[in-house]
Amino acid sequence: MSHIEADAVESALDSLGAAWKKRDAGWAIPATARAPWEIDVAAHDAGLRVEGVLTTWDDAGQTELAAIGALLRRAEADLPGAAFEVRPGRAVVAVTASHEHELPAAVTCVMTAARLLSRETAALLDRDVAGRYLEFFGAPPETTPAPSRI
């Protein structure tokens, strides 16, 4: 996408019925009951990138990060178009809208992911919970034994 029309983006944000504010590099939708963290909208090479934080941490071990990564990989299958990332100190969800008219759906997807996964990703920052999650979901899938040749 070569050019983002700011007026079209702002009209799309208005259509959501949510408050928003202009930022230097884009727009921000403040945290609400529908989205526990602020959602950022910015121009990107592929159009508009809508990004929301799922949870943050100061220090997390390998077990906790592995559990969060496993949860987010499972979530990608259920939320088409959403990309989940584990970055230093935070887990985020992002959706790319190739055109301004796709922005409401992208913001809704990020809000849905944040609402559904913020509490769960935060819970996985507890080492015991993360370990149990990995024991349950992280085990390799059961395989069917090869048929007997007799």
N, C-alpha and C. Protein backbone atom coordinates (compact mmCIF):
# COMPACT_ATOMS: atom_id res chain seq x y z
N MET A 1 0.85 -1.16 0.00
CA MET A 1 0.00 0.00 0.00
C MET A 1 0.90 1.22 0.00
N SER A 2 0.62 2.16 -0.85
CA SER A 2 1.51 3.29 -0.99
C SER A 2 1.11 4.49 -0.13
N HIS A 3 -0.18 4.65 0.13
CA HIS A 3 -0.61 5.86 0.84
C HIS A 3 -1.79 5.55 1.75
N ILE A 4 -1.67 6.00 2.98
CA ILE A 4 -2.75 5.84 3.95
C ILE A 4 -3.44 7.19 4.09
N GLU A 5 -4.74 7.20 3.91
CA GLU A 5 -5.52 8.41 4.09
C GLU A 5 -5.90 8.55 5.56
N ALA A 6 -5.35 9.55 6.23
CA ALA A 6 -5.61 9.74 7.66
C ALA A 6 -7.10 9.92 7.93
N ASP A 7 -7.79 10.67 7.08
CA ASP A 7 -9.23 10.88 7.29
C ASP A 7 -9.99 9.57 7.21
N ALA A 8 -9.61 8.69 6.29
CA ALA A 8 -10.28 7.40 6.15
C ALA A 8 -10.02 6.52 7.37
N VAL A 9 -8.81 6.57 7.88
CA VAL A 9 -8.48 5.80 9.08
C VAL A 9 -9.30 6.31 10.26
N GLU A 10 -9.37 7.62 10.41
CA GLU A 10 -10.11 8.20 11.53
C GLU A 10 -11.61 7.93 11.41
N SER A 11 -12.15 7.92 10.19
CA SER A 11 -13.55 7.56 9.99
C SER A 11 -13.79 6.09 10.37
N ALA A 12 -12.85 5.24 10.00
CA ALA A 12 -12.97 3.82 10.36
C ALA A 12 -12.91 3.63 11.87
N LEU A 13 -12.04 4.38 12.53
CA LEU A 13 -11.96 4.29 13.99
C LEU A 13 -13.24 4.83 14.63
N ASP A 14 -13.78 5.91 14.09
CA ASP A 14 -15.04 6.45 14.59
C ASP A 14 -16.17 5.42 14.48
N SER A 15 -16.15 4.63 13.41
CA SER A 15 -17.22 3.65 13.19
C SER A 15 -17.23 2.56 14.26
N LEU A 16 -16.13 2.39 14.97
CA LEU A 16 -16.06 1.39 16.03
C LEU A 16 -16.80 1.83 17.29
N GLY A 17 -17.01 3.13 17.42
CA GLY A 17 -17.65 3.64 18.62
C GLY A 17 -16.73 3.67 19.82
N ALA A 18 -15.45 3.53 19.60
CA ALA A 18 -14.46 3.57 20.69
C ALA A 18 -13.70 4.88 20.62
N ALA A 19 -13.25 5.34 21.77
CA ALA A 19 -12.42 6.54 21.80
C ALA A 19 -11.08 6.22 21.16
N TRP A 20 -10.45 7.21 20.57
CA TRP A 20 -9.12 7.05 19.99
C TRP A 20 -8.43 8.41 20.04
N LYS A 21 -7.13 8.39 19.90
CA LYS A 21 -6.38 9.65 19.84
C LYS A 21 -5.27 9.52 18.82
N LYS A 22 -4.92 10.63 18.24
CA LYS A 22 -3.84 10.68 17.23
C LYS A 22 -2.51 10.66 17.95
N ARG A 23 -1.60 9.91 17.40
CA ARG A 23 -0.23 9.85 17.89
C ARG A 23 0.69 10.28 16.77
N ASP A 24 1.94 10.55 17.09
CA ASP A 24 2.91 10.96 16.07
C ASP A 24 2.96 9.97 14.91
N ALA A 25 3.09 8.70 15.23
CA ALA A 25 3.27 7.69 14.19
C ALA A 25 1.97 6.96 13.85
N GLY A 26 0.86 7.36 14.42
CA GLY A 26 -0.39 6.65 14.14
C GLY A 26 -1.50 7.08 15.07
N TRP A 27 -2.26 6.08 15.54
CA TRP A 27 -3.42 6.32 16.38
C TRP A 27 -3.39 5.33 17.53
N ALA A 28 -4.08 5.66 18.62
CA ALA A 28 -4.15 4.78 19.78
C ALA A 28 -5.59 4.72 20.27
N ILE A 29 -6.01 3.52 20.64
CA ILE A 29 -7.31 3.30 21.25
C ILE A 29 -7.01 2.96 22.71
N PRO A 30 -7.48 3.81 23.65
CA PRO A 30 -7.15 3.56 25.06
C PRO A 30 -7.73 2.25 25.58
N ALA A 31 -7.16 1.76 26.65
CA ALA A 31 -7.65 0.54 27.29
C ALA A 31 -9.08 0.75 27.77
N THR A 32 -9.88 -0.29 27.62
CA THR A 32 -11.29 -0.26 28.06
C THR A 32 -11.62 -1.63 28.64
N ALA A 33 -12.88 -1.83 28.98
CA ALA A 33 -13.32 -3.15 29.45
C ALA A 33 -13.19 -4.17 28.32
N ARG A 34 -13.33 -3.73 27.06
CA ARG A 34 -13.22 -4.64 25.92
C ARG A 34 -11.77 -4.96 25.57
N ALA A 35 -10.86 -4.10 25.93
CA ALA A 35 -9.43 -4.29 25.64
C ALA A 35 -8.63 -3.82 26.84
N PRO A 36 -8.04 -4.75 27.59
CA PRO A 36 -7.35 -4.37 28.82
C PRO A 36 -6.08 -3.55 28.64
N TRP A 37 -5.57 -3.45 27.41
CA TRP A 37 -4.37 -2.66 27.13
C TRP A 37 -4.68 -1.74 25.96
N GLU A 38 -3.92 -0.69 25.83
CA GLU A 38 -4.07 0.22 24.70
C GLU A 38 -3.79 -0.52 23.39
N ILE A 39 -4.51 -0.14 22.33
CA ILE A 39 -4.30 -0.72 21.01
C ILE A 39 -3.72 0.36 20.12
N ASP A 40 -2.64 0.03 19.42
CA ASP A 40 -1.97 0.98 18.54
C ASP A 40 -2.28 0.65 17.09
N VAL A 41 -2.49 1.69 16.30
CA VAL A 41 -2.71 1.57 14.86
C VAL A 41 -1.63 2.42 14.18
N ALA A 42 -0.89 1.82 13.27
CA ALA A 42 0.19 2.55 12.60
C ALA A 42 0.27 2.14 11.14
N ALA A 43 0.71 3.08 10.31
CA ALA A 43 0.96 2.77 8.90
C ALA A 43 2.13 1.79 8.83
N HIS A 44 2.02 0.87 7.91
CA HIS A 44 3.00 -0.21 7.75
C HIS A 44 3.18 -0.45 6.27
N ASP A 45 4.25 -1.12 5.89
CA ASP A 45 4.49 -1.41 4.47
C ASP A 45 3.30 -2.07 3.80
N ALA A 46 2.63 -2.97 4.52
CA ALA A 46 1.52 -3.72 3.95
C ALA A 46 0.17 -3.06 4.18
N GLY A 47 0.14 -1.87 4.76
CA GLY A 47 -1.12 -1.17 5.02
C GLY A 47 -1.13 -0.57 6.40
N LEU A 48 -2.01 -1.08 7.24
CA LEU A 48 -2.12 -0.61 8.62
C LEU A 48 -1.87 -1.79 9.56
N ARG A 49 -1.06 -1.56 10.57
CA ARG A 49 -0.79 -2.61 11.57
C ARG A 49 -1.51 -2.23 12.85
N VAL A 50 -2.36 -3.13 13.31
CA VAL A 50 -3.09 -2.94 14.56
C VAL A 50 -2.47 -3.88 15.57
N GLU A 51 -2.03 -3.34 16.70
CA GLU A 51 -1.28 -4.15 17.67
C GLU A 51 -1.78 -3.88 19.08
N GLY A 52 -1.94 -4.96 19.83
CA GLY A 52 -2.34 -4.86 21.23
C GLY A 52 -1.48 -5.75 22.09
N VAL A 53 -1.24 -5.31 23.31
CA VAL A 53 -0.45 -6.09 24.27
C VAL A 53 -1.37 -7.06 24.98
N LEU A 54 -0.90 -8.29 25.15
CA LEU A 54 -1.66 -9.29 25.90
C LEU A 54 -1.24 -9.29 27.36
N THR A 55 0.05 -9.25 27.62
CA THR A 55 0.56 -9.17 28.99
C THR A 55 2.01 -8.68 28.95
N THR A 56 2.48 -8.22 30.08
CA THR A 56 3.87 -7.76 30.20
C THR A 56 4.51 -8.43 31.42
N TRP A 57 5.85 -8.42 31.43
CA TRP A 57 6.57 -8.97 32.57
C TRP A 57 7.93 -8.31 32.66
N ASP A 58 8.47 -8.32 33.88
CA ASP A 58 9.82 -7.82 34.10
C ASP A 58 10.82 -8.95 33.93
N ASP A 59 10.44 -10.13 34.41
CA ASP A 59 11.35 -11.27 34.34
C ASP A 59 10.50 -12.52 34.20
N ALA A 60 10.80 -13.33 33.22
CA ALA A 60 10.10 -14.60 33.00
C ALA A 60 11.12 -15.65 32.63
N GLY A 61 10.92 -16.84 33.16
CA GLY A 61 11.83 -17.94 32.89
C GLY A 61 11.48 -18.67 31.59
N GLN A 62 12.31 -19.63 31.25
CA GLN A 62 12.09 -20.39 30.02
C GLN A 62 10.78 -21.16 30.04
N THR A 63 10.40 -21.70 31.19
CA THR A 63 9.14 -22.45 31.29
C THR A 63 7.96 -21.55 31.00
N GLU A 64 7.95 -20.38 31.60
CA GLU A 64 6.85 -19.45 31.40
C GLU A 64 6.76 -18.99 29.95
N LEU A 65 7.91 -18.66 29.36
CA LEU A 65 7.92 -18.20 27.97
C LEU A 65 7.51 -19.31 27.01
N ALA A 66 7.93 -20.54 27.31
CA ALA A 66 7.54 -21.68 26.47
C ALA A 66 6.03 -21.89 26.54
N ALA A 67 5.46 -21.77 27.72
CA ALA A 67 4.02 -21.95 27.88
C ALA A 67 3.24 -20.85 27.16
N ILE A 68 3.70 -19.61 27.28
CA ILE A 68 3.03 -18.51 26.58
C ILE A 68 3.12 -18.73 25.07
N GLY A 69 4.29 -19.11 24.59
CA GLY A 69 4.45 -19.39 23.16
C GLY A 69 3.53 -20.50 22.69
N ALA A 70 3.39 -21.57 23.49
CA ALA A 70 2.51 -22.68 23.12
C ALA A 70 1.06 -22.23 23.08
N LEU A 71 0.64 -21.43 24.05
CA LEU A 71 -0.74 -20.92 24.06
C LEU A 71 -1.00 -20.06 22.82
N LEU A 72 -0.07 -19.19 22.50
CA LEU A 72 -0.28 -18.29 21.37
C LEU A 72 -0.27 -19.05 20.04
N ARG A 73 0.53 -20.09 19.91
CA ARG A 73 0.49 -20.91 18.69
C ARG A 73 -0.87 -21.59 18.53
N ARG A 74 -1.43 -22.07 19.62
CA ARG A 74 -2.77 -22.67 19.57
C ARG A 74 -3.82 -21.62 19.22
N ALA A 75 -3.66 -20.41 19.74
CA ALA A 75 -4.65 -19.35 19.50
C ALA A 75 -4.66 -18.90 18.04
N GLU A 76 -3.52 -18.92 17.37
CA GLU A 76 -3.47 -18.49 15.97
C GLU A 76 -4.40 -19.30 15.08
N ALA A 77 -4.60 -20.56 15.41
CA ALA A 77 -5.50 -21.41 14.61
C ALA A 77 -6.95 -20.97 14.75
N ASP A 78 -7.29 -20.40 15.91
CA ASP A 78 -8.68 -20.01 16.17
C ASP A 78 -8.97 -18.55 15.83
N LEU A 79 -7.95 -17.77 15.61
CA LEU A 79 -8.13 -16.35 15.27
C LEU A 79 -7.42 -16.06 13.95
N PRO A 80 -8.04 -16.40 12.83
CA PRO A 80 -7.40 -16.18 11.52
C PRO A 80 -7.03 -14.71 11.32
N GLY A 81 -5.86 -14.52 10.78
CA GLY A 81 -5.38 -13.17 10.51
C GLY A 81 -4.61 -12.55 11.66
N ALA A 82 -4.72 -13.13 12.84
CA ALA A 82 -3.99 -12.60 14.00
C ALA A 82 -2.62 -13.24 14.08
N ALA A 83 -1.62 -12.42 14.32
CA ALA A 83 -0.26 -12.90 14.51
C ALA A 83 0.14 -12.61 15.96
N PHE A 84 0.60 -13.62 16.65
CA PHE A 84 0.99 -13.47 18.05
C PHE A 84 2.50 -13.50 18.13
N GLU A 85 3.05 -12.63 18.98
CA GLU A 85 4.50 -12.55 19.12
C GLU A 85 4.88 -12.46 20.59
N VAL A 86 5.94 -13.17 20.95
CA VAL A 86 6.52 -13.04 22.28
C VAL A 86 7.78 -12.21 22.11
N ARG A 87 7.77 -11.04 22.70
CA ARG A 87 8.91 -10.12 22.63
C ARG A 87 9.51 -9.96 24.01
N PRO A 88 10.68 -9.36 24.10
CA PRO A 88 11.25 -9.13 25.43
C PRO A 88 10.28 -8.30 26.29
N GLY A 89 9.82 -8.89 27.38
CA GLY A 89 8.97 -8.19 28.32
C GLY A 89 7.50 -8.11 27.99
N ARG A 90 7.06 -8.71 26.87
CA ARG A 90 5.63 -8.63 26.56
C ARG A 90 5.23 -9.63 25.48
N ALA A 91 3.94 -9.94 25.48
CA ALA A 91 3.34 -10.75 24.43
C ALA A 91 2.31 -9.86 23.74
N VAL A 92 2.30 -9.89 22.41
CA VAL A 92 1.41 -9.01 21.66
C VAL A 92 0.64 -9.80 20.60
N VAL A 93 -0.46 -9.19 20.16
CA VAL A 93 -1.23 -9.68 19.02
C VAL A 93 -1.25 -8.55 18.00
N ALA A 94 -1.10 -8.91 16.73
CA ALA A 94 -1.11 -7.91 15.66
C ALA A 94 -1.92 -8.42 14.48
N VAL A 95 -2.60 -7.50 13.82
CA VAL A 95 -3.37 -7.80 12.62
C VAL A 95 -3.03 -6.71 11.61
N THR A 96 -2.83 -7.11 10.36
CA THR A 96 -2.55 -6.15 9.30
C THR A 96 -3.80 -5.95 8.45
N ALA A 97 -4.15 -4.70 8.24
CA ALA A 97 -5.27 -4.35 7.35
C ALA A 97 -4.64 -3.73 6.11
N SER A 98 -4.93 -4.30 4.95
CA SER A 98 -4.30 -3.80 3.73
C SER A 98 -4.94 -2.50 3.25
N HIS A 99 -6.12 -2.17 3.75
CA HIS A 99 -6.82 -0.95 3.34
C HIS A 99 -7.60 -0.41 4.53
N GLU A 100 -7.89 0.87 4.51
CA GLU A 100 -8.59 1.51 5.63
C GLU A 100 -9.92 0.85 5.93
N HIS A 101 -10.64 0.37 4.91
CA HIS A 101 -11.96 -0.21 5.15
C HIS A 101 -11.88 -1.54 5.91
N GLU A 102 -10.69 -2.15 5.98
CA GLU A 102 -10.49 -3.38 6.75
C GLU A 102 -10.13 -3.10 8.21
N LEU A 103 -9.94 -1.84 8.55
CA LEU A 103 -9.49 -1.47 9.89
C LEU A 103 -10.47 -1.87 10.99
N PRO A 104 -11.77 -1.64 10.86
CA PRO A 104 -12.67 -2.05 11.95
C PRO A 104 -12.58 -3.55 12.28
N ALA A 105 -12.51 -4.38 11.27
CA ALA A 105 -12.39 -5.82 11.51
C ALA A 105 -11.06 -6.16 12.17
N ALA A 106 -9.99 -5.48 11.77
CA ALA A 106 -8.67 -5.73 12.36
C ALA A 106 -8.66 -5.32 13.84
N VAL A 107 -9.23 -4.16 14.14
CA VAL A 107 -9.27 -3.70 15.54
C VAL A 107 -10.13 -4.66 16.36
N THR A 108 -11.26 -5.09 15.81
CA THR A 108 -12.13 -6.03 16.52
C THR A 108 -11.40 -7.34 16.80
N CYS A 109 -10.62 -7.82 15.86
CA CYS A 109 -9.84 -9.05 16.05
C CYS A 109 -8.83 -8.88 17.18
N VAL A 110 -8.13 -7.75 17.20
CA VAL A 110 -7.14 -7.51 18.25
C VAL A 110 -7.85 -7.37 19.61
N MET A 111 -8.98 -6.67 19.65
CA MET A 111 -9.72 -6.54 20.91
C MET A 111 -10.19 -7.90 21.41
N THR A 112 -10.67 -8.73 20.50
CA THR A 112 -11.14 -10.06 20.88
C THR A 112 -10.00 -10.89 21.43
N ALA A 113 -8.87 -10.88 20.74
CA ALA A 113 -7.70 -11.64 21.21
C ALA A 113 -7.25 -11.14 22.58
N ALA A 114 -7.21 -9.83 22.76
CA ALA A 114 -6.78 -9.28 24.04
C ALA A 114 -7.75 -9.66 25.16
N ARG A 115 -9.04 -9.58 24.86
CA ARG A 115 -10.04 -9.92 25.87
C ARG A 115 -9.96 -11.40 26.24
N LEU A 116 -9.76 -12.26 25.25
CA LEU A 116 -9.76 -13.70 25.49
C LEU A 116 -8.44 -14.22 26.07
N LEU A 117 -7.33 -13.56 25.77
CA LEU A 117 -6.03 -14.15 26.11
C LEU A 117 -5.21 -13.38 27.15
N SER A 118 -5.60 -12.17 27.51
CA SER A 118 -4.80 -11.40 28.47
C SER A 118 -4.69 -12.10 29.82
N ARG A 119 -5.81 -12.55 30.34
CA ARG A 119 -5.80 -13.22 31.65
C ARG A 119 -5.00 -14.52 31.58
N GLU A 120 -5.18 -15.27 30.49
CA GLU A 120 -4.51 -16.55 30.36
C GLU A 120 -3.00 -16.40 30.21
N THR A 121 -2.56 -15.43 29.40
CA THR A 121 -1.11 -15.24 29.25
C THR A 121 -0.50 -14.76 30.56
N ALA A 122 -1.22 -13.92 31.30
CA ALA A 122 -0.72 -13.45 32.59
C ALA A 122 -0.61 -14.61 33.58
N ALA A 123 -1.59 -15.52 33.55
CA ALA A 123 -1.56 -16.67 34.46
C ALA A 123 -0.35 -17.56 34.18
N LEU A 124 0.06 -17.65 32.91
CA LEU A 124 1.20 -18.50 32.56
C LEU A 124 2.54 -17.91 33.02
N LEU A 125 2.53 -16.72 33.58
CA LEU A 125 3.76 -16.16 34.15
C LEU A 125 4.08 -16.79 35.50
N ASP A 126 3.15 -17.56 36.05
CA ASP A 126 3.41 -18.33 37.26
C ASP A 126 4.06 -19.65 36.84
N ARG A 127 5.23 -19.94 37.35
CA ARG A 127 6.00 -21.11 36.92
C ARG A 127 5.22 -22.41 37.08
N ASP A 128 4.49 -22.58 38.19
CA ASP A 128 3.73 -23.81 38.40
C ASP A 128 2.62 -23.96 37.36
N VAL A 129 1.90 -22.87 37.10
CA VAL A 129 0.82 -22.91 36.11
C VAL A 129 1.41 -23.20 34.73
N ALA A 130 2.52 -22.54 34.40
CA ALA A 130 3.17 -22.74 33.10
C ALA A 130 3.62 -24.20 32.95
N GLY A 131 4.20 -24.76 34.00
CA GLY A 131 4.64 -26.15 33.95
C GLY A 131 3.49 -27.11 33.73
N ARG A 132 2.39 -26.87 34.42
CA ARG A 132 1.21 -27.73 34.25
C ARG A 132 0.62 -27.58 32.86
N TYR A 133 0.61 -26.36 32.36
CA TYR A 133 0.10 -26.13 31.00
C TYR A 133 0.93 -26.92 29.99
N LEU A 134 2.24 -26.84 30.12
CA LEU A 134 3.11 -27.55 29.19
C LEU A 134 2.97 -29.06 29.34
N GLU A 135 2.78 -29.54 30.56
CA GLU A 135 2.57 -30.98 30.76
C GLU A 135 1.32 -31.44 30.02
N PHE A 136 0.27 -30.64 30.10
CA PHE A 136 -1.00 -31.02 29.49
C PHE A 136 -1.01 -30.83 27.98
N PHE A 137 -0.59 -29.64 27.52
CA PHE A 137 -0.66 -29.33 26.10
C PHE A 137 0.66 -29.52 25.36
N GLY A 138 1.76 -29.56 26.09
CA GLY A 138 3.05 -29.62 25.42
C GLY A 138 3.55 -31.01 25.13
N ALA A 139 2.83 -32.02 25.61
CA ALA A 139 3.26 -33.39 25.36
C ALA A 139 3.12 -33.71 23.88
N PRO A 140 4.02 -34.51 23.33
CA PRO A 140 3.88 -34.87 21.91
C PRO A 140 2.59 -35.64 21.69
N PRO A 141 1.98 -35.50 20.53
CA PRO A 141 0.73 -36.21 20.28
C PRO A 141 0.94 -37.71 20.29
N GLU A 142 -0.09 -38.40 20.74
CA GLU A 142 0.00 -39.86 20.75
C GLU A 142 0.02 -40.37 19.33
N THR A 143 0.82 -41.39 19.10
CA THR A 143 0.89 -41.97 17.76
C THR A 143 0.27 -43.35 17.77
N THR A 144 -0.33 -43.69 16.67
CA THR A 144 -0.92 -45.00 16.50
C THR A 144 0.19 -45.97 16.15
N PRO A 145 0.25 -47.10 16.85
CA PRO A 145 1.33 -48.05 16.53
C PRO A 145 1.16 -48.59 15.12
N ALA A 146 2.27 -48.93 14.52
CA ALA A 146 2.23 -49.50 13.16
C ALA A 146 1.49 -50.83 13.20
N PRO A 147 0.72 -51.12 12.14
CA PRO A 147 -0.01 -52.39 12.13
C PRO A 147 0.97 -53.57 12.12
N SER A 148 0.54 -54.62 12.70
CA SER A 148 1.35 -55.82 12.76
C SER A 148 1.48 -56.44 11.37
N ARG A 149 2.63 -57.02 11.09
CA ARG A 149 2.86 -57.64 9.77
C ARG A 149 2.58 -59.15 9.79
N ILE A 150 2.04 -59.63 10.87
CA ILE A 150 1.79 -61.08 10.96
C ILE A 150 0.42 -61.39 10.45
